[in-house]
Amino acid sequence: MDIKEKIEEVVKRIMAEPDIKEQFEKEPVKVIEKMIGMDLPDDVVEKIIEGVKAKLTIDTLSDVAGKFKKLF
């Protein structure tokens, strides 16, 4: 399993569906396993959760920076 690929898939889906993002914030393990469709070892799930959170943070910061650039 390519963890980076799974992170990208999850991030795309979370960004497209706000209700999934809300669920992810509350129960990340449950959401990840449901989206991937299998029960994963805890260490793999944690890596995916960390990667998704990091990617979401970076994407959010990029969006905010882009909005500020438009102001000036």
PDB file of N, CA and C in Angstrom:
ATOM      1  N   MET A   1       0.845  -1.177   0.000  1.00  0.00           N
ATOM      2  CA  MET A   1       0.000   0.000   0.000  1.00  0.00           C
ATOM      3  C   MET A   1       0.888   1.237   0.000  1.00  0.00           C
ATOM      4  N   ASP A   2       0.607   2.144  -0.901  1.00  0.00           N
ATOM      5  CA  ASP A   2       1.338   3.401  -0.981  1.00  0.00           C
ATOM      6  C   ASP A   2       0.651   4.419  -0.069  1.00  0.00           C
ATOM      7  N   ILE A   3       1.288   4.723   1.058  1.00  0.00           N
ATOM      8  CA  ILE A   3       0.682   5.623   2.044  1.00  0.00           C
ATOM      9  C   ILE A   3       0.485   7.020   1.474  1.00  0.00           C
ATOM     10  N   LYS A   4       1.454   7.517   0.714  1.00  0.00           N
ATOM     11  CA  LYS A   4       1.322   8.857   0.130  1.00  0.00           C
ATOM     12  C   LYS A   4       0.108   8.937  -0.795  1.00  0.00           C
ATOM     13  N   GLU A   5      -0.104   7.892  -1.564  1.00  0.00           N
ATOM     14  CA  GLU A   5      -1.246   7.845  -2.474  1.00  0.00           C
ATOM     15  C   GLU A   5      -2.559   7.864  -1.682  1.00  0.00           C
ATOM     16  N   LYS A   6      -2.612   7.098  -0.606  1.00  0.00           N
ATOM     17  CA  LYS A   6      -3.817   7.059   0.228  1.00  0.00           C
ATOM     18  C   LYS A   6      -4.068   8.408   0.884  1.00  0.00           C
ATOM     19  N   ILE A   7      -3.005   9.080   1.314  1.00  0.00           N
ATOM     20  CA  ILE A   7      -3.146  10.418   1.910  1.00  0.00           C
ATOM     21  C   ILE A   7      -3.760  11.368   0.897  1.00  0.00           C
ATOM     22  N   GLU A   8      -3.262  11.350  -0.319  1.00  0.00           N
ATOM     23  CA  GLU A   8      -3.790  12.231  -1.367  1.00  0.00           C
ATOM     24  C   GLU A   8      -5.270  11.946  -1.637  1.00  0.00           C
ATOM     25  N   GLU A   9      -5.632  10.666  -1.705  1.00  0.00           N
ATOM     26  CA  GLU A   9      -7.032  10.295  -1.937  1.00  0.00           C
ATOM     27  C   GLU A   9      -7.928  10.825  -0.826  1.00  0.00           C
ATOM     28  N   VAL A  10      -7.496  10.622   0.409  1.00  0.00           N
ATOM     29  CA  VAL A  10      -8.293  11.052   1.562  1.00  0.00           C
ATOM     30  C   VAL A  10      -8.421  12.567   1.587  1.00  0.00           C
ATOM     31  N   VAL A  11      -7.332  13.269   1.349  1.00  0.00           N
ATOM     32  CA  VAL A  11      -7.358  14.743   1.363  1.00  0.00           C
ATOM     33  C   VAL A  11      -8.306  15.273   0.297  1.00  0.00           C
ATOM     34  N   LYS A  12      -8.246  14.729  -0.897  1.00  0.00           N
ATOM     35  CA  LYS A  12      -9.133  15.179  -1.972  1.00  0.00           C
ATOM     36  C   LYS A  12     -10.594  14.996  -1.585  1.00  0.00           C
ATOM     37  N   ARG A  13     -10.899  13.862  -1.006  1.00  0.00           N
ATOM     38  CA  ARG A  13     -12.288  13.588  -0.625  1.00  0.00           C
ATOM     39  C   ARG A  13     -12.734  14.491   0.530  1.00  0.00           C
ATOM     40  N   ILE A  14     -11.855  14.688   1.498  1.00  0.00           N
ATOM     41  CA  ILE A  14     -12.188  15.556   2.632  1.00  0.00           C
ATOM     42  C   ILE A  14     -12.414  16.982   2.159  1.00  0.00           C
ATOM     43  N   MET A  15     -11.582  17.462   1.256  1.00  0.00           N
ATOM     44  CA  MET A  15     -11.721  18.838   0.755  1.00  0.00           C
ATOM     45  C   MET A  15     -13.000  18.986  -0.073  1.00  0.00           C
ATOM     46  N   ALA A  16     -13.423  17.932  -0.720  1.00  0.00           N
ATOM     47  CA  ALA A  16     -14.614  17.990  -1.572  1.00  0.00           C
ATOM     48  C   ALA A  16     -15.910  17.857  -0.769  1.00  0.00           C
ATOM     49  N   GLU A  17     -15.825  17.231   0.402  1.00  0.00           N
ATOM     50  CA  GLU A  17     -17.030  16.955   1.178  1.00  0.00           C
ATOM     51  C   GLU A  17     -16.855  17.445   2.616  1.00  0.00           C
ATOM     52  N   PRO A  18     -17.385  18.626   2.928  1.00  0.00           N
ATOM     53  CA  PRO A  18     -17.213  19.217   4.263  1.00  0.00           C
ATOM     54  C   PRO A  18     -17.708  18.341   5.417  1.00  0.00           C
ATOM     55  N   ASP A  19     -18.746  17.537   5.196  1.00  0.00           N
ATOM     56  CA  ASP A  19     -19.243  16.682   6.276  1.00  0.00           C
ATOM     57  C   ASP A  19     -18.223  15.596   6.637  1.00  0.00           C
ATOM     58  N   ILE A  20     -17.464  15.133   5.648  1.00  0.00           N
ATOM     59  CA  ILE A  20     -16.414  14.150   5.921  1.00  0.00           C
ATOM     60  C   ILE A  20     -15.282  14.813   6.699  1.00  0.00           C
ATOM     61  N   LYS A  21     -14.984  16.065   6.380  1.00  0.00           N
ATOM     62  CA  LYS A  21     -13.938  16.788   7.110  1.00  0.00           C
ATOM     63  C   LYS A  21     -14.316  16.906   8.584  1.00  0.00           C
ATOM     64  N   GLU A  22     -15.571  17.201   8.836  1.00  0.00           N
ATOM     65  CA  GLU A  22     -16.053  17.311  10.217  1.00  0.00           C
ATOM     66  C   GLU A  22     -15.926  15.965  10.934  1.00  0.00           C
ATOM     67  N   GLN A  23     -16.310  14.896  10.256  1.00  0.00           N
ATOM     68  CA  GLN A  23     -16.190  13.553  10.839  1.00  0.00           C
ATOM     69  C   GLN A  23     -14.730  13.203  11.097  1.00  0.00           C
ATOM     70  N   PHE A  24     -13.859  13.569  10.156  1.00  0.00           N
ATOM     71  CA  PHE A  24     -12.427  13.288  10.296  1.00  0.00           C
ATOM     72  C   PHE A  24     -11.861  13.969  11.525  1.00  0.00           C
ATOM     73  N   GLU A  25     -12.294  15.197  11.777  1.00  0.00           N
ATOM     74  CA  GLU A  25     -11.808  15.927  12.945  1.00  0.00           C
ATOM     75  C   GLU A  25     -12.235  15.246  14.243  1.00  0.00           C
ATOM     76  N   LYS A  26     -13.398  14.605  14.245  1.00  0.00           N
ATOM     77  CA  LYS A  26     -13.913  13.947  15.445  1.00  0.00           C
ATOM     78  C   LYS A  26     -13.373  12.525  15.609  1.00  0.00           C
ATOM     79  N   GLU A  27     -13.383  11.759  14.521  1.00  0.00           N
ATOM     80  CA  GLU A  27     -12.992  10.345  14.561  1.00  0.00           C
ATOM     81  C   GLU A  27     -12.105   9.990  13.370  1.00  0.00           C
ATOM     82  N   PRO A  28     -10.860  10.436  13.395  1.00  0.00           N
ATOM     83  CA  PRO A  28     -10.003  10.218  12.221  1.00  0.00           C
ATOM     84  C   PRO A  28      -9.763   8.747  11.872  1.00  0.00           C
ATOM     85  N   VAL A  29      -9.585   7.903  12.863  1.00  0.00           N
ATOM     86  CA  VAL A  29      -9.310   6.486  12.578  1.00  0.00           C
ATOM     87  C   VAL A  29     -10.498   5.849  11.863  1.00  0.00           C
ATOM     88  N   LYS A  30     -11.676   6.089  12.368  1.00  0.00           N
ATOM     89  CA  LYS A  30     -12.889   5.514  11.780  1.00  0.00           C
ATOM     90  C   LYS A  30     -13.070   5.992  10.335  1.00  0.00           C
ATOM     91  N   VAL A  31     -12.854   7.276  10.098  1.00  0.00           N
ATOM     92  CA  VAL A  31     -13.022   7.843   8.755  1.00  0.00           C
ATOM     93  C   VAL A  31     -11.993   7.263   7.792  1.00  0.00           C
ATOM     94  N   ILE A  32     -10.742   7.190   8.217  1.00  0.00           N
ATOM     95  CA  ILE A  32      -9.686   6.657   7.347  1.00  0.00           C
ATOM     96  C   ILE A  32      -9.984   5.215   6.968  1.00  0.00           C
ATOM     97  N   GLU A  33     -10.309   4.391   7.951  1.00  0.00           N
ATOM     98  CA  GLU A  33     -10.567   2.985   7.655  1.00  0.00           C
ATOM     99  C   GLU A  33     -11.805   2.811   6.777  1.00  0.00           C
ATOM    100  N   LYS A  34     -12.795   3.651   6.974  1.00  0.00           N
ATOM    101  CA  LYS A  34     -14.000   3.571   6.129  1.00  0.00           C
ATOM    102  C   LYS A  34     -13.669   3.975   4.691  1.00  0.00           C
ATOM    103  N   MET A  35     -12.883   5.038   4.529  1.00  0.00           N
ATOM    104  CA  MET A  35     -12.549   5.515   3.190  1.00  0.00           C
ATOM    105  C   MET A  35     -11.658   4.524   2.447  1.00  0.00           C
ATOM    106  N   ILE A  36     -10.744   3.903   3.159  1.00  0.00           N
ATOM    107  CA  ILE A  36      -9.833   2.968   2.530  1.00  0.00           C
ATOM    108  C   ILE A  36     -10.492   1.606   2.333  1.00  0.00           C
ATOM    109  N   GLY A  37     -11.448   1.306   3.196  1.00  0.00           N
ATOM    110  CA  GLY A  37     -12.203   0.070   3.042  1.00  0.00           C
ATOM    111  C   GLY A  37     -11.593  -1.147   3.707  1.00  0.00           C
ATOM    112  N   MET A  38     -10.696  -0.918   4.665  1.00  0.00           N
ATOM    113  CA  MET A  38     -10.111  -2.057   5.372  1.00  0.00           C
ATOM    114  C   MET A  38      -9.616  -1.623   6.742  1.00  0.00           C
ATOM    115  N   ASP A  39      -9.503  -2.610   7.623  1.00  0.00           N
ATOM    116  CA  ASP A  39      -8.958  -2.393   8.946  1.00  0.00           C
ATOM    117  C   ASP A  39      -7.440  -2.404   8.818  1.00  0.00           C
ATOM    118  N   LEU A  40      -6.806  -1.327   9.226  1.00  0.00           N
ATOM    119  CA  LEU A  40      -5.360  -1.207   9.070  1.00  0.00           C
ATOM    120  C   LEU A  40      -4.662  -1.279  10.426  1.00  0.00           C
ATOM    121  N   PRO A  41      -3.387  -1.670  10.428  1.00  0.00           N
ATOM    122  CA  PRO A  41      -2.628  -1.624  11.679  1.00  0.00           C
ATOM    123  C   PRO A  41      -2.567  -0.189  12.211  1.00  0.00           C
ATOM    124  N   ASP A  42      -2.530  -0.054  13.517  1.00  0.00           N
ATOM    125  CA  ASP A  42      -2.549   1.264  14.142  1.00  0.00           C
ATOM    126  C   ASP A  42      -1.437   2.184  13.636  1.00  0.00           C
ATOM    127  N   ASP A  43      -0.233   1.646  13.446  1.00  0.00           N
ATOM    128  CA  ASP A  43       0.875   2.494  13.006  1.00  0.00           C
ATOM    129  C   ASP A  43       0.642   3.041  11.601  1.00  0.00           C
ATOM    130  N   VAL A  44       0.022   2.258  10.745  1.00  0.00           N
ATOM    131  CA  VAL A  44      -0.277   2.716   9.382  1.00  0.00           C
ATOM    132  C   VAL A  44      -1.367   3.789   9.417  1.00  0.00           C
ATOM    133  N   VAL A  45      -2.402   3.556  10.207  1.00  0.00           N
ATOM    134  CA  VAL A  45      -3.486   4.538  10.324  1.00  0.00           C
ATOM    135  C   VAL A  45      -2.947   5.858  10.862  1.00  0.00           C
ATOM    136  N   GLU A  46      -2.091   5.789  11.871  1.00  0.00           N
ATOM    137  CA  GLU A  46      -1.528   7.014  12.456  1.00  0.00           C
ATOM    138  C   GLU A  46      -0.693   7.791  11.435  1.00  0.00           C
ATOM    139  N   LYS A  47       0.078   7.077  10.613  1.00  0.00           N
ATOM    140  CA  LYS A  47       0.868   7.749   9.572  1.00  0.00           C
ATOM    141  C   LYS A  47      -0.040   8.451   8.574  1.00  0.00           C
ATOM    142  N   ILE A  48      -1.112   7.789   8.191  1.00  0.00           N
ATOM    143  CA  ILE A  48      -2.051   8.386   7.242  1.00  0.00           C
ATOM    144  C   ILE A  48      -2.727   9.596   7.872  1.00  0.00           C
ATOM    145  N   ILE A  49      -3.154   9.491   9.122  1.00  0.00           N
ATOM    146  CA  ILE A  49      -3.814  10.611   9.811  1.00  0.00           C
ATOM    147  C   ILE A  49      -2.867  11.802   9.897  1.00  0.00           C
ATOM    148  N   GLU A  50      -1.635  11.558  10.306  1.00  0.00           N
ATOM    149  CA  GLU A  50      -0.645  12.641  10.394  1.00  0.00           C
ATOM    150  C   GLU A  50      -0.431  13.294   9.031  1.00  0.00           C
ATOM    151  N   GLY A  51      -0.324  12.486   7.995  1.00  0.00           N
ATOM    152  CA  GLY A  51      -0.125  13.019   6.645  1.00  0.00           C
ATOM    153  C   GLY A  51      -1.311  13.824   6.168  1.00  0.00           C
ATOM    154  N   VAL A  52      -2.513  13.347   6.444  1.00  0.00           N
ATOM    155  CA  VAL A  52      -3.729  14.065   6.030  1.00  0.00           C
ATOM    156  C   VAL A  52      -3.813  15.397   6.770  1.00  0.00           C
ATOM    157  N   LYS A  53      -3.586  15.381   8.079  1.00  0.00           N
ATOM    158  CA  LYS A  53      -3.645  16.625   8.861  1.00  0.00           C
ATOM    159  C   LYS A  53      -2.612  17.636   8.362  1.00  0.00           C
ATOM    160  N   ALA A  54      -1.413  17.169   8.077  1.00  0.00           N
ATOM    161  CA  ALA A  54      -0.368  18.055   7.574  1.00  0.00           C
ATOM    162  C   ALA A  54      -0.753  18.637   6.221  1.00  0.00           C
ATOM    163  N   LYS A  55      -1.249  17.796   5.344  1.00  0.00           N
ATOM    164  CA  LYS A  55      -1.643  18.244   3.993  1.00  0.00           C
ATOM    165  C   LYS A  55      -2.795  19.234   4.060  1.00  0.00           C
ATOM    166  N   LEU A  56      -3.772  18.961   4.932  1.00  0.00           N
ATOM    167  CA  LEU A  56      -4.901  19.886   5.083  1.00  0.00           C
ATOM    168  C   LEU A  56      -4.432  21.235   5.609  1.00  0.00           C
ATOM    169  N   THR A  57      -3.492  21.217   6.546  1.00  0.00           N
ATOM    170  CA  THR A  57      -2.957  22.458   7.098  1.00  0.00           C
ATOM    171  C   THR A  57      -2.219  23.253   6.024  1.00  0.00           C
ATOM    172  N   ILE A  58      -1.397  22.572   5.253  1.00  0.00           N
ATOM    173  CA  ILE A  58      -0.642  23.237   4.183  1.00  0.00           C
ATOM    174  C   ILE A  58      -1.595  23.812   3.132  1.00  0.00           C
ATOM    175  N   ASP A  59      -2.586  23.032   2.729  1.00  0.00           N
ATOM    176  CA  ASP A  59      -3.546  23.501   1.730  1.00  0.00           C
ATOM    177  C   ASP A  59      -4.343  24.699   2.249  1.00  0.00           C
ATOM    178  N   THR A  60      -4.726  24.655   3.513  1.00  0.00           N
ATOM    179  CA  THR A  60      -5.485  25.761   4.106  1.00  0.00           C
ATOM    180  C   THR A  60      -4.631  27.020   4.154  1.00  0.00           C
ATOM    181  N   LEU A  61      -3.374  26.874   4.563  1.00  0.00           N
ATOM    182  CA  LEU A  61      -2.471  28.031   4.610  1.00  0.00           C
ATOM    183  C   LEU A  61      -2.218  28.603   3.222  1.00  0.00           C
ATOM    184  N   SER A  62      -2.112  27.742   2.232  1.00  0.00           N
ATOM    185  CA  SER A  62      -1.910  28.193   0.854  1.00  0.00           C
ATOM    186  C   SER A  62      -3.127  28.986   0.363  1.00  0.00           C
ATOM    187  N   ASP A  63      -4.321  28.509   0.702  1.00  0.00           N
ATOM    188  CA  ASP A  63      -5.548  29.212   0.317  1.00  0.00           C
ATOM    189  C   ASP A  63      -5.609  30.591   0.958  1.00  0.00           C
ATOM    190  N   VAL A  64      -5.262  30.674   2.231  1.00  0.00           N
ATOM    191  CA  VAL A  64      -5.285  31.954   2.946  1.00  0.00           C
ATOM    192  C   VAL A  64      -4.257  32.902   2.345  1.00  0.00           C
ATOM    193  N   ALA A  65      -3.059  32.402   2.071  1.00  0.00           N
ATOM    194  CA  ALA A  65      -2.013  33.238   1.476  1.00  0.00           C
ATOM    195  C   ALA A  65      -2.457  33.739   0.104  1.00  0.00           C
ATOM    196  N   GLY A  66      -3.095  32.896  -0.672  1.00  0.00           N
ATOM    197  CA  GLY A  66      -3.586  33.300  -1.990  1.00  0.00           C
ATOM    198  C   GLY A  66      -4.626  34.396  -1.898  1.00  0.00           C
ATOM    199  N   LYS A  67      -5.477  34.323  -0.915  1.00  0.00           N
ATOM    200  CA  LYS A  67      -6.505  35.358  -0.716  1.00  0.00           C
ATOM    201  C   LYS A  67      -5.877  36.685  -0.320  1.00  0.00           C
ATOM    202  N   PHE A  68      -4.826  36.634   0.511  1.00  0.00           N
ATOM    203  CA  PHE A  68      -4.154  37.858   0.898  1.00  0.00           C
ATOM    204  C   PHE A  68      -3.438  38.497  -0.304  1.00  0.00           C
ATOM    205  N   LYS A  69      -2.865  37.683  -1.169  1.00  0.00           N
ATOM    206  CA  LYS A  69      -2.177  38.203  -2.354  1.00  0.00           C
ATOM    207  C   LYS A  69      -3.154  38.954  -3.242  1.00  0.00           C
ATOM    208  N   LYS A  70      -4.377  38.469  -3.319  1.00  0.00           N
ATOM    209  CA  LYS A  70      -5.397  39.112  -4.151  1.00  0.00           C
ATOM    210  C   LYS A  70      -5.771  40.481  -3.600  1.00  0.00           C
ATOM    211  N   LEU A  71      -5.635  40.657  -2.300  1.00  0.00           N
ATOM    212  CA  LEU A  71      -5.974  41.932  -1.676  1.00  0.00           C
ATOM    213  C   LEU A  71      -4.973  43.031  -2.030  1.00  0.00           C
ATOM    214  N   PHE A  72      -3.725  42.639  -2.309  1.00  0.00           N
ATOM    215  CA  PHE A  72      -2.684  43.641  -2.548  1.00  0.00           C
ATOM    216  C   PHE A  72      -2.333  43.755  -3.980  1.00  0.00           C
TER     217      PHE A  72
END
